[in-house]
N, C-alpha and C. Protein backbone atom coordinates (compact mmCIF):
# COMPACT_ATOMS: atom_id res chain seq x y z
N UNK A 1 9.39 -30.99 -44.44
CA UNK A 1 8.04 -31.71 -43.93
C UNK A 1 7.80 -31.10 -42.49
N UNK A 2 6.82 -30.52 -42.13
CA UNK A 2 6.52 -29.94 -40.78
C UNK A 2 6.37 -31.12 -39.65
N UNK A 3 6.70 -30.98 -38.54
CA UNK A 3 6.74 -31.93 -37.55
C UNK A 3 5.11 -32.56 -37.21
N UNK A 4 5.07 -33.52 -36.99
CA UNK A 4 3.55 -34.05 -36.52
C UNK A 4 3.35 -33.55 -35.24
N UNK A 5 1.86 -33.22 -35.21
CA UNK A 5 1.24 -32.62 -33.98
C UNK A 5 0.34 -33.61 -33.47
N UNK A 6 0.37 -33.66 -32.08
CA UNK A 6 -0.51 -34.61 -31.40
C UNK A 6 -1.95 -34.04 -31.37
N UNK A 7 -2.79 -34.83 -31.16
CA UNK A 7 -4.17 -34.28 -31.18
C UNK A 7 -4.61 -33.45 -30.04
N UNK A 8 -3.81 -33.65 -28.89
CA UNK A 8 -3.94 -32.97 -27.60
C UNK A 8 -3.46 -31.60 -27.65
N UNK A 9 -2.52 -31.23 -28.77
CA UNK A 9 -1.87 -30.08 -28.89
C UNK A 9 -2.62 -29.27 -29.83
N UNK A 10 -3.58 -29.62 -30.36
CA UNK A 10 -4.45 -28.84 -31.45
C UNK A 10 -5.58 -27.91 -30.41
N UNK A 11 -5.72 -26.89 -31.24
CA UNK A 11 -6.83 -26.02 -30.55
C UNK A 11 -8.16 -26.52 -30.37
N UNK A 12 -8.72 -26.33 -29.13
CA UNK A 12 -10.28 -26.63 -29.06
C UNK A 12 -11.16 -25.49 -28.86
N UNK A 13 -12.44 -25.95 -28.80
CA UNK A 13 -13.58 -25.00 -28.54
C UNK A 13 -14.85 -25.58 -28.24
N UNK A 14 -15.73 -25.29 -27.24
CA UNK A 14 -16.77 -25.79 -27.06
C UNK A 14 -18.02 -25.81 -28.08
N UNK A 15 -18.70 -26.79 -28.29
CA UNK A 15 -19.93 -26.55 -29.07
C UNK A 15 -20.99 -25.51 -28.52
N UNK A 16 -21.60 -24.87 -29.50
CA UNK A 16 -22.62 -24.03 -29.16
C UNK A 16 -23.75 -24.62 -28.78
N UNK A 17 -24.15 -25.88 -29.11
CA UNK A 17 -25.38 -26.50 -28.82
C UNK A 17 -25.09 -27.61 -27.55
N UNK A 18 -24.15 -28.54 -27.62
CA UNK A 18 -24.00 -29.31 -26.61
C UNK A 18 -22.99 -28.94 -25.55
N UNK A 19 -22.14 -28.11 -26.00
CA UNK A 19 -21.24 -27.80 -25.02
C UNK A 19 -19.75 -28.46 -25.08
N UNK A 20 -19.86 -29.67 -25.45
CA UNK A 20 -18.86 -30.49 -25.51
C UNK A 20 -17.60 -29.82 -26.42
N UNK A 21 -16.46 -30.01 -25.74
CA UNK A 21 -15.27 -29.53 -26.59
C UNK A 21 -14.79 -30.28 -27.78
N UNK A 22 -14.35 -29.58 -28.82
CA UNK A 22 -14.27 -30.34 -30.20
C UNK A 22 -12.75 -29.79 -30.59
N UNK A 23 -11.99 -30.40 -31.30
CA UNK A 23 -10.79 -30.22 -31.65
C UNK A 23 -10.79 -29.69 -33.22
N UNK A 24 -9.58 -28.81 -33.50
CA UNK A 24 -9.32 -28.17 -34.81
C UNK A 24 -9.38 -29.52 -35.76
N UNK A 25 -9.73 -29.27 -36.92
CA UNK A 25 -9.52 -30.31 -38.12
C UNK A 25 -8.95 -29.49 -39.24
N UNK A 26 -8.27 -30.10 -40.04
CA UNK A 26 -7.36 -29.53 -41.16
C UNK A 26 -8.50 -28.91 -42.18
N UNK A 27 -9.61 -29.67 -42.23
CA UNK A 27 -10.65 -28.93 -43.30
C UNK A 27 -11.12 -27.54 -42.79
N UNK A 28 -10.99 -27.38 -41.44
CA UNK A 28 -11.55 -26.13 -41.02
C UNK A 28 -10.54 -25.13 -40.75
N UNK A 29 -9.34 -25.56 -41.10
CA UNK A 29 -8.17 -24.35 -41.08
C UNK A 29 -8.41 -22.97 -41.48
N UNK A 30 -9.04 -22.80 -42.60
CA UNK A 30 -9.36 -21.38 -43.12
C UNK A 30 -10.60 -20.73 -42.35
N UNK A 31 -11.30 -21.69 -42.00
CA UNK A 31 -12.72 -20.96 -41.21
C UNK A 31 -12.93 -21.41 -39.68
N UNK A 32 -11.84 -21.58 -39.13
CA UNK A 32 -11.76 -22.05 -37.59
C UNK A 32 -12.65 -20.79 -36.80
N UNK A 33 -12.43 -19.66 -36.87
CA UNK A 33 -13.11 -18.78 -36.22
C UNK A 33 -14.55 -18.98 -36.49
N UNK A 34 -15.11 -19.18 -37.63
CA UNK A 34 -16.46 -19.39 -37.90
C UNK A 34 -17.18 -20.95 -37.37
N UNK A 35 -16.38 -21.75 -37.13
CA UNK A 35 -16.86 -23.17 -36.71
C UNK A 35 -17.72 -22.85 -35.51
N UNK A 36 -18.85 -23.44 -35.22
CA UNK A 36 -19.45 -23.14 -34.07
C UNK A 36 -19.99 -24.62 -33.49
N UNK A 37 -20.18 -25.59 -34.33
CA UNK A 37 -20.86 -26.85 -33.79
C UNK A 37 -19.90 -27.94 -33.97
N UNK A 38 -19.95 -28.89 -33.13
CA UNK A 38 -19.16 -30.25 -33.32
C UNK A 38 -19.46 -31.10 -34.33
N UNK A 39 -20.80 -31.25 -34.78
CA UNK A 39 -21.33 -32.10 -35.60
C UNK A 39 -22.38 -31.51 -36.50
N UNK A 40 -22.81 -32.36 -37.47
CA UNK A 40 -23.98 -32.10 -38.38
C UNK A 40 -25.22 -32.25 -37.46
N UNK A 41 -25.32 -33.21 -36.60
CA UNK A 41 -26.36 -33.34 -35.70
C UNK A 41 -26.67 -32.08 -34.72
N UNK A 42 -25.41 -31.41 -34.13
CA UNK A 42 -25.81 -30.45 -33.37
C UNK A 42 -26.31 -29.03 -34.17
N UNK A 43 -25.58 -28.98 -35.50
CA UNK A 43 -26.11 -27.95 -36.32
C UNK A 43 -27.67 -28.10 -36.57
N UNK A 44 -27.95 -29.39 -36.78
CA UNK A 44 -29.45 -29.27 -37.20
C UNK A 44 -30.20 -29.24 -36.10
N UNK A 45 -29.71 -29.58 -34.59
CA UNK A 45 -30.50 -29.51 -33.52
C UNK A 45 -30.86 -27.98 -33.23
N UNK A 46 -29.69 -27.06 -33.41
CA UNK A 46 -29.82 -25.55 -33.39
C UNK A 46 -30.84 -25.05 -34.08
N UNK A 47 -30.94 -25.63 -35.43
CA UNK A 47 -31.91 -25.08 -36.54
C UNK A 47 -33.62 -25.45 -35.88
N UNK A 48 -33.54 -26.77 -35.36
CA UNK A 48 -34.56 -27.13 -34.85
C UNK A 48 -35.39 -26.06 -33.59
N UNK A 49 -34.31 -25.75 -32.87
CA UNK A 49 -34.74 -24.78 -31.64
C UNK A 49 -35.02 -23.66 -32.31
N UNK A 50 -34.63 -22.90 -33.22
CA UNK A 50 -35.06 -21.71 -33.93
C UNK A 50 -36.59 -21.89 -34.36
N UNK A 51 -36.71 -23.00 -35.13
CA UNK A 51 -37.92 -23.10 -35.64
C UNK A 51 -39.00 -23.36 -34.78
N UNK A 52 -38.68 -24.05 -33.56
CA UNK A 52 -39.91 -23.90 -32.54
C UNK A 52 -39.94 -22.62 -32.06
N UNK A 53 -39.00 -21.82 -31.79
CA UNK A 53 -39.18 -20.56 -31.19
C UNK A 53 -40.10 -19.60 -32.11
N UNK A 54 -39.79 -19.67 -33.37
CA UNK A 54 -40.83 -18.89 -34.33
C UNK A 54 -42.24 -19.54 -34.45
N UNK A 55 -42.38 -20.86 -34.15
CA UNK A 55 -43.71 -21.45 -33.91
C UNK A 55 -44.39 -21.06 -32.67
N UNK A 56 -43.60 -20.70 -31.71
CA UNK A 56 -44.25 -20.37 -30.43
C UNK A 56 -44.18 -21.38 -29.35
N UNK A 57 -43.16 -22.10 -29.49
CA UNK A 57 -42.86 -23.06 -28.38
C UNK A 57 -42.28 -24.42 -28.88
N UNK A 58 -42.36 -25.42 -27.88
CA UNK A 58 -41.65 -26.61 -28.10
C UNK A 58 -42.80 -27.40 -28.79
N UNK A 59 -42.23 -28.60 -29.71
CA UNK A 59 -43.26 -29.44 -30.26
C UNK A 59 -44.05 -30.19 -29.04
N UNK A 60 -45.43 -30.36 -29.52
CA UNK A 60 -46.22 -31.29 -28.54
C UNK A 60 -46.80 -30.29 -27.55
N UNK A 61 -46.74 -29.24 -27.56
CA UNK A 61 -47.50 -28.27 -26.45
C UNK A 61 -48.88 -28.15 -26.58
N UNK A 62 -49.55 -27.96 -25.58
CA UNK A 62 -51.13 -27.90 -25.88
C UNK A 62 -51.33 -26.56 -26.76
N UNK A 63 -52.25 -26.76 -27.66
CA UNK A 63 -52.95 -25.71 -28.45
C UNK A 63 -51.90 -25.50 -29.75
N UNK A 64 -51.09 -26.48 -29.94
CA UNK A 64 -50.18 -26.36 -31.07
C UNK A 64 -51.09 -26.60 -32.37
N UNK A 65 -50.97 -25.54 -33.48
CA UNK A 65 -51.72 -25.73 -34.67
C UNK A 65 -50.73 -26.13 -35.79
N UNK A 66 -51.31 -27.15 -36.23
CA UNK A 66 -50.48 -27.84 -37.53
C UNK A 66 -51.23 -27.26 -38.79
N UNK A 67 -50.29 -27.08 -39.72
CA UNK A 67 -50.82 -26.66 -41.13
C UNK A 67 -51.06 -27.91 -41.87
N UNK A 68 -50.66 -29.26 -41.29
CA UNK A 68 -50.97 -30.48 -42.14
C UNK A 68 -52.21 -31.01 -41.63
N UNK A 69 -53.38 -31.23 -42.51
CA UNK A 69 -54.41 -31.72 -41.91
C UNK A 69 -54.19 -33.26 -41.38
N UNK A 70 -55.13 -33.94 -40.68
CA UNK A 70 -54.98 -35.04 -39.88
C UNK A 70 -54.86 -36.18 -40.94
N UNK A 71 -55.69 -36.23 -41.99
CA UNK A 71 -55.69 -37.29 -43.05
C UNK A 71 -54.29 -37.22 -43.65
N UNK A 72 -53.68 -36.10 -44.02
CA UNK A 72 -52.32 -36.14 -44.57
C UNK A 72 -51.05 -36.78 -43.79
N UNK A 73 -51.33 -36.40 -42.57
CA UNK A 73 -50.26 -36.72 -41.78
C UNK A 73 -50.25 -38.22 -41.49
N UNK A 74 -51.26 -38.99 -41.27
CA UNK A 74 -51.43 -40.40 -41.09
C UNK A 74 -51.90 -41.08 -42.17
N UNK A 75 -52.06 -40.60 -43.27
CA UNK A 75 -52.51 -41.42 -44.37
C UNK A 75 -53.85 -41.86 -44.24
N UNK A 76 -54.63 -41.72 -43.24
CA UNK A 76 -56.17 -42.08 -42.93
C UNK A 76 -56.62 -41.32 -41.79
N UNK A 77 -57.97 -41.32 -41.85
CA UNK A 77 -58.63 -40.59 -40.96
C UNK A 77 -58.70 -41.52 -39.74
N UNK A 78 -58.77 -40.70 -38.63
CA UNK A 78 -58.72 -41.29 -37.17
C UNK A 78 -59.98 -41.22 -36.78
């Protein structure tokens, strides 16, 4: 049986979204070079940033056009 390793001895890399370091996990052994995000939340956040760029800016900016009418968005007319 191989000797135990301490978590401090495992390789680390920074998250592409938040920049925090995260350590190697056994489930990532075969794809460690492809792992870029520390969590599902950071992976989802990166997807939001790409979507905003395609729509032309951050959510809530003036002049933003929504495809969903007011009535469908809020369930009633305001």
